[in-house]
Amino acid sequence: EHHLYPDLPSNRLHEISIRVQQLCDKYDLP
Protein backbone atom coordinates (compact mmCIF):
# COMPACT_ATOMS: atom_id res chain seq x y z
CA GLU A 1 0.00 0.00 0.00
CA HIS A 2 2.88 2.38 0.74
CA HIS A 3 4.28 1.80 -2.74
CA LEU A 4 0.89 2.39 -4.31
CA TYR A 5 0.38 5.60 -2.32
CA PRO A 6 3.75 6.79 -0.94
CA ASP A 7 2.41 10.25 -0.06
CA LEU A 8 -0.76 9.21 1.77
CA PRO A 9 -0.68 9.29 5.61
CA SER A 10 0.83 6.17 7.14
CA ASN A 11 -1.97 5.85 9.71
CA ARG A 12 -4.42 5.22 6.87
CA LEU A 13 -2.53 2.35 5.22
CA HIS A 14 -4.22 -0.35 7.28
CA GLU A 15 -7.70 0.63 6.09
CA ILE A 16 -6.35 0.98 2.54
CA SER A 17 -4.94 -2.55 2.73
CA ILE A 18 -8.42 -4.05 3.13
CA ARG A 19 -9.55 -2.53 -0.17
CA VAL A 20 -6.31 -3.45 -1.95
CA GLN A 21 -6.71 -7.08 -0.88
CA GLN A 22 -10.23 -7.04 -2.29
CA LEU A 23 -8.88 -5.80 -5.62
CA CYS A 24 -6.24 -8.54 -5.61
CA ASP A 25 -9.01 -11.10 -5.16
CA LYS A 26 -11.09 -9.49 -7.91
CA TYR A 27 -8.24 -9.53 -10.45
CA ASP A 28 -6.74 -12.82 -9.19
CA LEU A 29 -3.46 -11.16 -8.23
CA PRO A 30 -1.17 -12.37 -5.43
PDB file of all heavy atoms in Angstrom:
ATOM      1  N   GLU A   1       0.828  -1.208   0.000  1.00  0.00           N
ATOM      2  CA  GLU A   1       0.000   0.000   0.000  1.00  0.00           C
ATOM      3  C   GLU A   1       0.864   1.262   0.000  1.00  0.00           C
ATOM      4  O   GLU A   1       0.519   2.258  -0.646  1.00  0.00           O
ATOM      5  CB  GLU A   1      -0.918  -0.008   1.225  1.00  0.00           C
ATOM      6  CG  GLU A   1      -2.025  -1.048   1.166  1.00  0.00           C
ATOM      7  CD  GLU A   1      -1.557  -2.487   1.397  1.00  0.00           C
ATOM      8  OE1 GLU A   1      -0.468  -2.677   1.990  1.00  0.00           O
ATOM      9  OE2 GLU A   1      -2.273  -3.419   1.000  1.00  0.00           O
ATOM     10  N   HIS A   2       1.982   1.224   0.723  1.00  0.00           N
ATOM     11  CA  HIS A   2       2.879   2.377   0.738  1.00  0.00           C
ATOM     12  C   HIS A   2       3.442   2.654  -0.647  1.00  0.00           C
ATOM     13  O   HIS A   2       3.578   3.808  -1.057  1.00  0.00           O
ATOM     14  CB  HIS A   2       4.018   2.140   1.729  1.00  0.00           C
ATOM     15  CG  HIS A   2       5.103   3.172   1.654  1.00  0.00           C
ATOM     16  ND1 HIS A   2       4.877   4.514   1.896  1.00  0.00           N
ATOM     17  CD2 HIS A   2       6.426   3.073   1.341  1.00  0.00           C
ATOM     18  CE1 HIS A   2       6.009   5.184   1.749  1.00  0.00           C
ATOM     19  NE2 HIS A   2       6.955   4.343   1.402  1.00  0.00           N
ATOM     20  N   HIS A   3       3.744   1.597  -1.396  1.00  0.00           N
ATOM     21  CA  HIS A   3       4.283   1.805  -2.740  1.00  0.00           C
ATOM     22  C   HIS A   3       3.206   2.254  -3.723  1.00  0.00           C
ATOM     23  O   HIS A   3       3.512   2.949  -4.700  1.00  0.00           O
ATOM     24  CB  HIS A   3       4.985   0.537  -3.238  1.00  0.00           C
ATOM     25  CG  HIS A   3       6.450   0.560  -2.954  1.00  0.00           C
ATOM     26  ND1 HIS A   3       7.376   0.999  -3.867  1.00  0.00           N
ATOM     27  CD2 HIS A   3       7.145   0.239  -1.840  1.00  0.00           C
ATOM     28  CE1 HIS A   3       8.589   0.931  -3.336  1.00  0.00           C
ATOM     29  NE2 HIS A   3       8.472   0.479  -2.108  1.00  0.00           N
ATOM     30  N   LEU A   4       1.982   1.887  -3.476  1.00  0.00           N
ATOM     31  CA  LEU A   4       0.890   2.388  -4.314  1.00  0.00           C
ATOM     32  C   LEU A   4       0.617   3.862  -4.026  1.00  0.00           C
ATOM     33  O   LEU A   4       0.342   4.643  -4.940  1.00  0.00           O
ATOM     34  CB  LEU A   4      -0.386   1.576  -4.053  1.00  0.00           C
ATOM     35  CG  LEU A   4      -0.410   0.145  -4.573  1.00  0.00           C
ATOM     36  CD1 LEU A   4      -1.637  -0.593  -4.037  1.00  0.00           C
ATOM     37  CD2 LEU A   4      -0.407   0.116  -6.102  1.00  0.00           C
ATOM     38  N   TYR A   5       0.719   4.240  -2.746  1.00  0.00           N
ATOM     39  CA  TYR A   5       0.380   5.603  -2.317  1.00  0.00           C
ATOM     40  C   TYR A   5       1.458   6.127  -1.353  1.00  0.00           C
ATOM     41  O   TYR A   5       1.207   6.293  -0.152  1.00  0.00           O
ATOM     42  CB  TYR A   5      -0.977   5.609  -1.621  1.00  0.00           C
ATOM     43  CG  TYR A   5      -2.077   4.892  -2.365  1.00  0.00           C
ATOM     44  CD1 TYR A   5      -2.586   3.675  -1.900  1.00  0.00           C
ATOM     45  CD2 TYR A   5      -2.615   5.431  -3.527  1.00  0.00           C
ATOM     46  CE1 TYR A   5      -3.599   3.021  -2.573  1.00  0.00           C
ATOM     47  CE2 TYR A   5      -3.635   4.787  -4.212  1.00  0.00           C
ATOM     48  CZ  TYR A   5      -4.125   3.574  -3.735  1.00  0.00           C
ATOM     49  OH  TYR A   5      -5.126   2.934  -4.413  1.00  0.00           O
ATOM     50  N   PRO A   6       2.656   6.398  -1.847  1.00  0.00           N
ATOM     51  CA  PRO A   6       3.748   6.790  -0.938  1.00  0.00           C
ATOM     52  C   PRO A   6       3.527   8.094  -0.204  1.00  0.00           C
ATOM     53  O   PRO A   6       4.164   8.335   0.832  1.00  0.00           O
ATOM     54  CB  PRO A   6       4.966   6.870  -1.875  1.00  0.00           C
ATOM     55  CG  PRO A   6       4.395   7.038  -3.250  1.00  0.00           C
ATOM     56  CD  PRO A   6       3.102   6.303  -3.248  1.00  0.00           C
ATOM     57  N   ASP A   7       2.627   8.946  -0.702  1.00  0.00           N
ATOM     58  CA  ASP A   7       2.411  10.250  -0.064  1.00  0.00           C
ATOM     59  C   ASP A   7       1.102  10.332   0.714  1.00  0.00           C
ATOM     60  O   ASP A   7       0.705  11.420   1.144  1.00  0.00           O
ATOM     61  CB  ASP A   7       2.459  11.364  -1.117  1.00  0.00           C
ATOM     62  CG  ASP A   7       1.421  11.187  -2.214  1.00  0.00           C
ATOM     63  OD1 ASP A   7       0.859  10.076  -2.336  1.00  0.00           O
ATOM     64  OD2 ASP A   7       1.162  12.155  -2.958  1.00  0.00           O
ATOM     65  N   LEU A   8       0.433   9.199   0.927  1.00  0.00           N
ATOM     66  CA  LEU A   8      -0.762   9.211   1.769  1.00  0.00           C
ATOM     67  C   LEU A   8      -0.373   8.885   3.210  1.00  0.00           C
ATOM     68  O   LEU A   8       0.566   8.114   3.443  1.00  0.00           O
ATOM     69  CB  LEU A   8      -1.794   8.207   1.263  1.00  0.00           C
ATOM     70  CG  LEU A   8      -2.475   8.550  -0.070  1.00  0.00           C
ATOM     71  CD1 LEU A   8      -3.583   7.546  -0.377  1.00  0.00           C
ATOM     72  CD2 LEU A   8      -3.040   9.975  -0.073  1.00  0.00           C
ATOM     73  N   PRO A   9      -1.066   9.457   4.201  1.00  0.00           N
ATOM     74  CA  PRO A   9      -0.680   9.289   5.606  1.00  0.00           C
ATOM     75  C   PRO A   9      -0.545   7.824   6.017  1.00  0.00           C
ATOM     76  O   PRO A   9      -1.405   6.996   5.713  1.00  0.00           O
ATOM     77  CB  PRO A   9      -1.826   9.974   6.362  1.00  0.00           C
ATOM     78  CG  PRO A   9      -2.341  10.999   5.408  1.00  0.00           C
ATOM     79  CD  PRO A   9      -2.224  10.363   4.049  1.00  0.00           C
ATOM     80  N   SER A  10       0.518   7.553   6.747  1.00  0.00           N
ATOM     81  CA  SER A  10       0.826   6.172   7.139  1.00  0.00           C
ATOM     82  C   SER A  10      -0.257   5.562   8.021  1.00  0.00           C
ATOM     83  O   SER A  10      -0.484   4.345   7.977  1.00  0.00           O
ATOM     84  CB  SER A  10       2.167   6.127   7.872  1.00  0.00           C
ATOM     85  OG  SER A  10       2.135   6.963   9.024  1.00  0.00           O
ATOM     86  N   ASN A  11      -0.940   6.382   8.821  1.00  0.00           N
ATOM     87  CA  ASN A  11      -1.971   5.847   9.711  1.00  0.00           C
ATOM     88  C   ASN A  11      -3.220   5.391   8.965  1.00  0.00           C
ATOM     89  O   ASN A  11      -4.103   4.779   9.566  1.00  0.00           O
ATOM     90  CB  ASN A  11      -2.358   6.882  10.775  1.00  0.00           C
ATOM     91  CG  ASN A  11      -2.978   8.128  10.172  1.00  0.00           C
ATOM     92  OD1 ASN A  11      -2.451   8.702   9.223  1.00  0.00           O
ATOM     93  ND2 ASN A  11      -4.112   8.564  10.719  1.00  0.00           N
ATOM     94  N   ARG A  12      -3.269   5.637   7.660  1.00  0.00           N
ATOM     95  CA  ARG A  12      -4.423   5.219   6.865  1.00  0.00           C
ATOM     96  C   ARG A  12      -4.136   3.960   6.038  1.00  0.00           C
ATOM     97  O   ARG A  12      -5.029   3.456   5.349  1.00  0.00           O
ATOM     98  CB  ARG A  12      -4.864   6.347   5.928  1.00  0.00           C
ATOM     99  CG  ARG A  12      -5.093   7.687   6.624  1.00  0.00           C
ATOM    100  CD  ARG A  12      -6.248   7.645   7.611  1.00  0.00           C
ATOM    101  NE  ARG A  12      -7.530   7.509   6.962  1.00  0.00           N
ATOM    102  CZ  ARG A  12      -8.235   8.538   6.483  1.00  0.00           C
ATOM    103  NH1 ARG A  12      -7.767   9.776   6.597  1.00  0.00           N
ATOM    104  NH2 ARG A  12      -9.404   8.337   5.929  1.00  0.00           N
ATOM    105  N   LEU A  13      -2.898   3.480   6.081  1.00  0.00           N
ATOM    106  CA  LEU A  13      -2.528   2.352   5.218  1.00  0.00           C
ATOM    107  C   LEU A  13      -3.252   1.064   5.595  1.00  0.00           C
ATOM    108  O   LEU A  13      -3.547   0.239   4.730  1.00  0.00           O
ATOM    109  CB  LEU A  13      -1.010   2.130   5.239  1.00  0.00           C
ATOM    110  CG  LEU A  13      -0.158   3.237   4.614  1.00  0.00           C
ATOM    111  CD1 LEU A  13       1.326   2.870   4.670  1.00  0.00           C
ATOM    112  CD2 LEU A  13      -0.578   3.502   3.167  1.00  0.00           C
ATOM    113  N   HIS A  14      -3.543   0.883   6.867  1.00  0.00           N
ATOM    114  CA  HIS A  14      -4.221  -0.351   7.275  1.00  0.00           C
ATOM    115  C   HIS A  14      -5.608  -0.436   6.650  1.00  0.00           C
ATOM    116  O   HIS A  14      -5.997  -1.486   6.122  1.00  0.00           O
ATOM    117  CB  HIS A  14      -4.308  -0.430   8.797  1.00  0.00           C
ATOM    118  CG  HIS A  14      -4.974  -1.686   9.287  1.00  0.00           C
ATOM    119  ND1 HIS A  14      -4.463  -2.946   9.037  1.00  0.00           N
ATOM    120  CD2 HIS A  14      -6.129  -1.873   9.990  1.00  0.00           C
ATOM    121  CE1 HIS A  14      -5.258  -3.859   9.571  1.00  0.00           C
ATOM    122  NE2 HIS A  14      -6.274  -3.238  10.139  1.00  0.00           N
ATOM    123  N   GLU A  15      -6.367   0.659   6.696  1.00  0.00           N
ATOM    124  CA  GLU A  15      -7.696   0.627   6.088  1.00  0.00           C
ATOM    125  C   GLU A  15      -7.612   0.513   4.570  1.00  0.00           C
ATOM    126  O   GLU A  15      -8.457  -0.126   3.936  1.00  0.00           O
ATOM    127  CB  GLU A  15      -8.503   1.861   6.492  1.00  0.00           C
ATOM    128  CG  GLU A  15      -7.948   3.194   6.002  1.00  0.00           C
ATOM    129  CD  GLU A  15      -8.743   4.384   6.507  1.00  0.00           C
ATOM    130  OE1 GLU A  15      -9.701   4.783   5.833  1.00  0.00           O
ATOM    131  OE2 GLU A  15      -8.390   4.906   7.581  1.00  0.00           O
ATOM    132  N   ILE A  16      -6.567   1.109   3.983  1.00  0.00           N
ATOM    133  CA  ILE A  16      -6.353   0.981   2.537  1.00  0.00           C
ATOM    134  C   ILE A  16      -6.081  -0.477   2.174  1.00  0.00           C
ATOM    135  O   ILE A  16      -6.541  -0.975   1.142  1.00  0.00           O
ATOM    136  CB  ILE A  16      -5.190   1.875   2.082  1.00  0.00           C
ATOM    137  CG1 ILE A  16      -5.571   3.359   2.190  1.00  0.00           C
ATOM    138  CG2 ILE A  16      -4.769   1.553   0.645  1.00  0.00           C
ATOM    139  CD1 ILE A  16      -4.411   4.310   1.938  1.00  0.00           C
ATOM    140  N   SER A  17      -5.346  -1.177   3.038  1.00  0.00           N
ATOM    141  CA  SER A  17      -4.941  -2.555   2.732  1.00  0.00           C
ATOM    142  C   SER A  17      -6.141  -3.481   2.550  1.00  0.00           C
ATOM    143  O   SER A  17      -6.098  -4.424   1.747  1.00  0.00           O
ATOM    144  CB  SER A  17      -4.029  -3.102   3.835  1.00  0.00           C
ATOM    145  OG  SER A  17      -4.749  -3.349   5.036  1.00  0.00           O
ATOM    146  N   ILE A  18      -7.222  -3.220   3.263  1.00  0.00           N
ATOM    147  CA  ILE A  18      -8.421  -4.055   3.134  1.00  0.00           C
ATOM    148  C   ILE A  18      -8.978  -3.948   1.716  1.00  0.00           C
ATOM    149  O   ILE A  18      -9.342  -4.959   1.089  1.00  0.00           O
ATOM    150  CB  ILE A  18      -9.467  -3.633   4.182  1.00  0.00           C
ATOM    151  CG1 ILE A  18      -8.918  -3.857   5.596  1.00  0.00           C
ATOM    152  CG2 ILE A  18     -10.780  -4.395   3.978  1.00  0.00           C
ATOM    153  CD1 ILE A  18      -9.780  -3.246   6.690  1.00  0.00           C
ATOM    154  N   ARG A  19      -9.019  -2.739   1.180  1.00  0.00           N
ATOM    155  CA  ARG A  19      -9.553  -2.529  -0.171  1.00  0.00           C
ATOM    156  C   ARG A  19      -8.591  -3.048  -1.236  1.00  0.00           C
ATOM    157  O   ARG A  19      -9.031  -3.560  -2.279  1.00  0.00           O
ATOM    158  CB  ARG A  19      -9.851  -1.044  -0.368  1.00  0.00           C
ATOM    159  CG  ARG A  19     -10.918  -0.525   0.588  1.00  0.00           C
ATOM    160  CD  ARG A  19     -11.130   0.974   0.489  1.00  0.00           C
ATOM    161  NE  ARG A  19     -11.683   1.374  -0.801  1.00  0.00           N
ATOM    162  CZ  ARG A  19     -12.002   2.627  -1.104  1.00  0.00           C
ATOM    163  NH1 ARG A  19     -11.821   3.599  -0.204  1.00  0.00           N
ATOM    164  NH2 ARG A  19     -12.505   2.927  -2.296  1.00  0.00           N
ATOM    165  N   VAL A  20      -7.282  -2.937  -0.982  1.00  0.00           N
ATOM    166  CA  VAL A  20      -6.305  -3.450  -1.946  1.00  0.00           C
ATOM    167  C   VAL A  20      -6.392  -4.973  -2.015  1.00  0.00           C
ATOM    168  O   VAL A  20      -6.329  -5.563  -3.103  1.00  0.00           O
ATOM    169  CB  VAL A  20      -4.876  -2.999  -1.575  1.00  0.00           C
ATOM    170  CG1 VAL A  20      -3.837  -3.714  -2.438  1.00  0.00           C
ATOM    171  CG2 VAL A  20      -4.737  -1.487  -1.745  1.00  0.00           C
ATOM    172  N   GLN A  21      -6.556  -5.627  -0.879  1.00  0.00           N
ATOM    173  CA  GLN A  21      -6.710  -7.083  -0.882  1.00  0.00           C
ATOM    174  C   GLN A  21      -7.954  -7.497  -1.657  1.00  0.00           C
ATOM    175  O   GLN A  21      -7.945  -8.514  -2.366  1.00  0.00           O
ATOM    176  CB  GLN A  21      -6.784  -7.603   0.555  1.00  0.00           C
ATOM    177  CG  GLN A  21      -5.464  -7.539   1.300  1.00  0.00           C
ATOM    178  CD  GLN A  21      -5.579  -8.077   2.712  1.00  0.00           C
ATOM    179  OE1 GLN A  21      -5.795  -9.268   2.931  1.00  0.00           O
ATOM    180  NE2 GLN A  21      -5.442  -7.189   3.689  1.00  0.00           N
ATOM    181  N   GLN A  22      -9.008  -6.738  -1.535  1.00  0.00           N
ATOM    182  CA  GLN A  22     -10.233  -7.043  -2.287  1.00  0.00           C
ATOM    183  C   GLN A  22      -9.989  -6.931  -3.793  1.00  0.00           C
ATOM    184  O   GLN A  22     -10.494  -7.749  -4.576  1.00  0.00           O
ATOM    185  CB  GLN A  22     -11.355  -6.097  -1.850  1.00  0.00           C
ATOM    186  CG  GLN A  22     -11.846  -6.339  -0.430  1.00  0.00           C
ATOM    187  CD  GLN A  22     -12.785  -5.259   0.068  1.00  0.00           C
ATOM    188  OE1 GLN A  22     -12.905  -4.184  -0.539  1.00  0.00           O
ATOM    189  NE2 GLN A  22     -13.472  -5.521   1.176  1.00  0.00           N
ATOM    190  N   LEU A  23      -9.212  -5.935  -4.195  1.00  0.00           N
ATOM    191  CA  LEU A  23      -8.878  -5.795  -5.621  1.00  0.00           C
ATOM    192  C   LEU A  23      -8.001  -6.954  -6.092  1.00  0.00           C
ATOM    193  O   LEU A  23      -8.165  -7.438  -7.222  1.00  0.00           O
ATOM    194  CB  LEU A  23      -8.173  -4.465  -5.870  1.00  0.00           C
ATOM    195  CG  LEU A  23      -9.042  -3.210  -5.796  1.00  0.00           C
ATOM    196  CD1 LEU A  23      -8.202  -1.965  -6.049  1.00  0.00           C
ATOM    197  CD2 LEU A  23     -10.186  -3.284  -6.814  1.00  0.00           C
ATOM    198  N   CYS A  24      -7.079  -7.393  -5.244  1.00  0.00           N
ATOM    199  CA  CYS A  24      -6.240  -8.536  -5.612  1.00  0.00           C
ATOM    200  C   CYS A  24      -7.100  -9.779  -5.826  1.00  0.00           C
ATOM    201  O   CYS A  24      -6.869 -10.549  -6.761  1.00  0.00           O
ATOM    202  CB  CYS A  24      -5.185  -8.794  -4.535  1.00  0.00           C
ATOM    203  SG  CYS A  24      -3.841  -7.580  -4.518  1.00  0.00           S
ATOM    204  N   ASP A  25      -8.095  -9.967  -4.977  1.00  0.00           N
ATOM    205  CA  ASP A  25      -9.010 -11.096  -5.162  1.00  0.00           C
ATOM    206  C   ASP A  25      -9.818 -10.944  -6.454  1.00  0.00           C
ATOM    207  O   ASP A  25     -10.008 -11.913  -7.200  1.00  0.00           O
ATOM    208  CB  ASP A  25      -9.965 -11.195  -3.966  1.00  0.00           C
ATOM    209  CG  ASP A  25      -9.272 -11.665  -2.698  1.00  0.00           C
ATOM    210  OD1 ASP A  25      -8.198 -12.293  -2.803  1.00  0.00           O
ATOM    211  OD2 ASP A  25      -9.791 -11.389  -1.600  1.00  0.00           O
ATOM    212  N   LYS A  26     -10.260  -9.740  -6.721  1.00  0.00           N
ATOM    213  CA  LYS A  26     -11.087  -9.492  -7.908  1.00  0.00           C
ATOM    214  C   LYS A  26     -10.315  -9.781  -9.194  1.00  0.00           C
ATOM    215  O   LYS A  26     -10.875 -10.375 -10.138  1.00  0.00           O
ATOM    216  CB  LYS A  26     -11.571  -8.043  -7.898  1.00  0.00           C
ATOM    217  CG  LYS A  26     -12.396  -7.660  -9.118  1.00  0.00           C
ATOM    218  CD  LYS A  26     -12.893  -6.220  -9.021  1.00  0.00           C
ATOM    219  CE  LYS A  26     -13.694  -5.820 -10.259  1.00  0.00           C
ATOM    220  NZ  LYS A  26     -14.205  -4.426 -10.155  1.00  0.00           N
ATOM    221  N   TYR A  27      -9.041  -9.353  -9.240  1.00  0.00           N
ATOM    222  CA  TYR A  27      -8.235  -9.533 -10.454  1.00  0.00           C
ATOM    223  C   TYR A  27      -7.321 -10.754 -10.384  1.00  0.00           C
ATOM    224  O   TYR A  27      -6.473 -10.941 -11.251  1.00  0.00           O
ATOM    225  CB  TYR A  27      -7.414  -8.265 -10.715  1.00  0.00           C
ATOM    226  CG  TYR A  27      -8.265  -7.078 -11.112  1.00  0.00           C
ATOM    227  CD1 TYR A  27      -8.726  -6.170 -10.156  1.00  0.00           C
ATOM    228  CD2 TYR A  27      -8.643  -6.879 -12.435  1.00  0.00           C
ATOM    229  CE1 TYR A  27      -9.531  -5.096 -10.507  1.00  0.00           C
ATOM    230  CE2 TYR A  27      -9.437  -5.801 -12.803  1.00  0.00           C
ATOM    231  CZ  TYR A  27      -9.874  -4.911 -11.831  1.00  0.00           C
ATOM    232  OH  TYR A  27     -10.680  -3.849 -12.200  1.00  0.00           O
ATOM    233  N   ASP A  28      -7.516 -11.586  -9.373  1.00  0.00           N
ATOM    234  CA  ASP A  28      -6.739 -12.820  -9.188  1.00  0.00           C
ATOM    235  C   ASP A  28      -5.235 -12.530  -9.177  1.00  0.00           C
ATOM    236  O   ASP A  28      -4.450 -13.199  -9.852  1.00  0.00           O
ATOM    237  CB  ASP A  28      -7.075 -13.841 -10.287  1.00  0.00           C
ATOM    238  CG  ASP A  28      -6.648 -15.253  -9.890  1.00  0.00           C
ATOM    239  OD1 ASP A  28      -6.652 -15.555  -8.690  1.00  0.00           O
ATOM    240  OD2 ASP A  28      -6.293 -16.039 -10.791  1.00  0.00           O
ATOM    241  N   LEU A  29      -4.861 -11.527  -8.389  1.00  0.00           N
ATOM    242  CA  LEU A  29      -3.459 -11.159  -8.230  1.00  0.00           C
ATOM    243  C   LEU A  29      -2.964 -11.614  -6.862  1.00  0.00           C
ATOM    244  O   LEU A  29      -3.726 -11.603  -5.890  1.00  0.00           O
ATOM    245  CB  LEU A  29      -3.285  -9.639  -8.346  1.00  0.00           C
ATOM    246  CG  LEU A  29      -3.574  -9.019  -9.711  1.00  0.00           C
ATOM    247  CD1 LEU A  29      -3.600  -7.491  -9.598  1.00  0.00           C
ATOM    248  CD2 LEU A  29      -2.537  -9.459 -10.742  1.00  0.00           C
ATOM    249  N   PRO A  30      -1.697 -11.992  -6.749  1.00  0.00           N
ATOM    250  CA  PRO A  30      -1.168 -12.372  -5.430  1.00  0.00           C
ATOM    251  C   PRO A  30      -1.050 -11.156  -4.525  1.00  0.00           C
ATOM    252  O   PRO A  30      -0.779 -10.046  -4.992  1.00  0.00           O
ATOM    253  CB  PRO A  30       0.212 -12.953  -5.756  1.00  0.00           C
ATOM    254  CG  PRO A  30       0.584 -12.359  -7.077  1.00  0.00           C
ATOM    255  CD  PRO A  30      -0.695 -12.146  -7.825  1.00  0.00           C
TER     256      PRO A  30
END
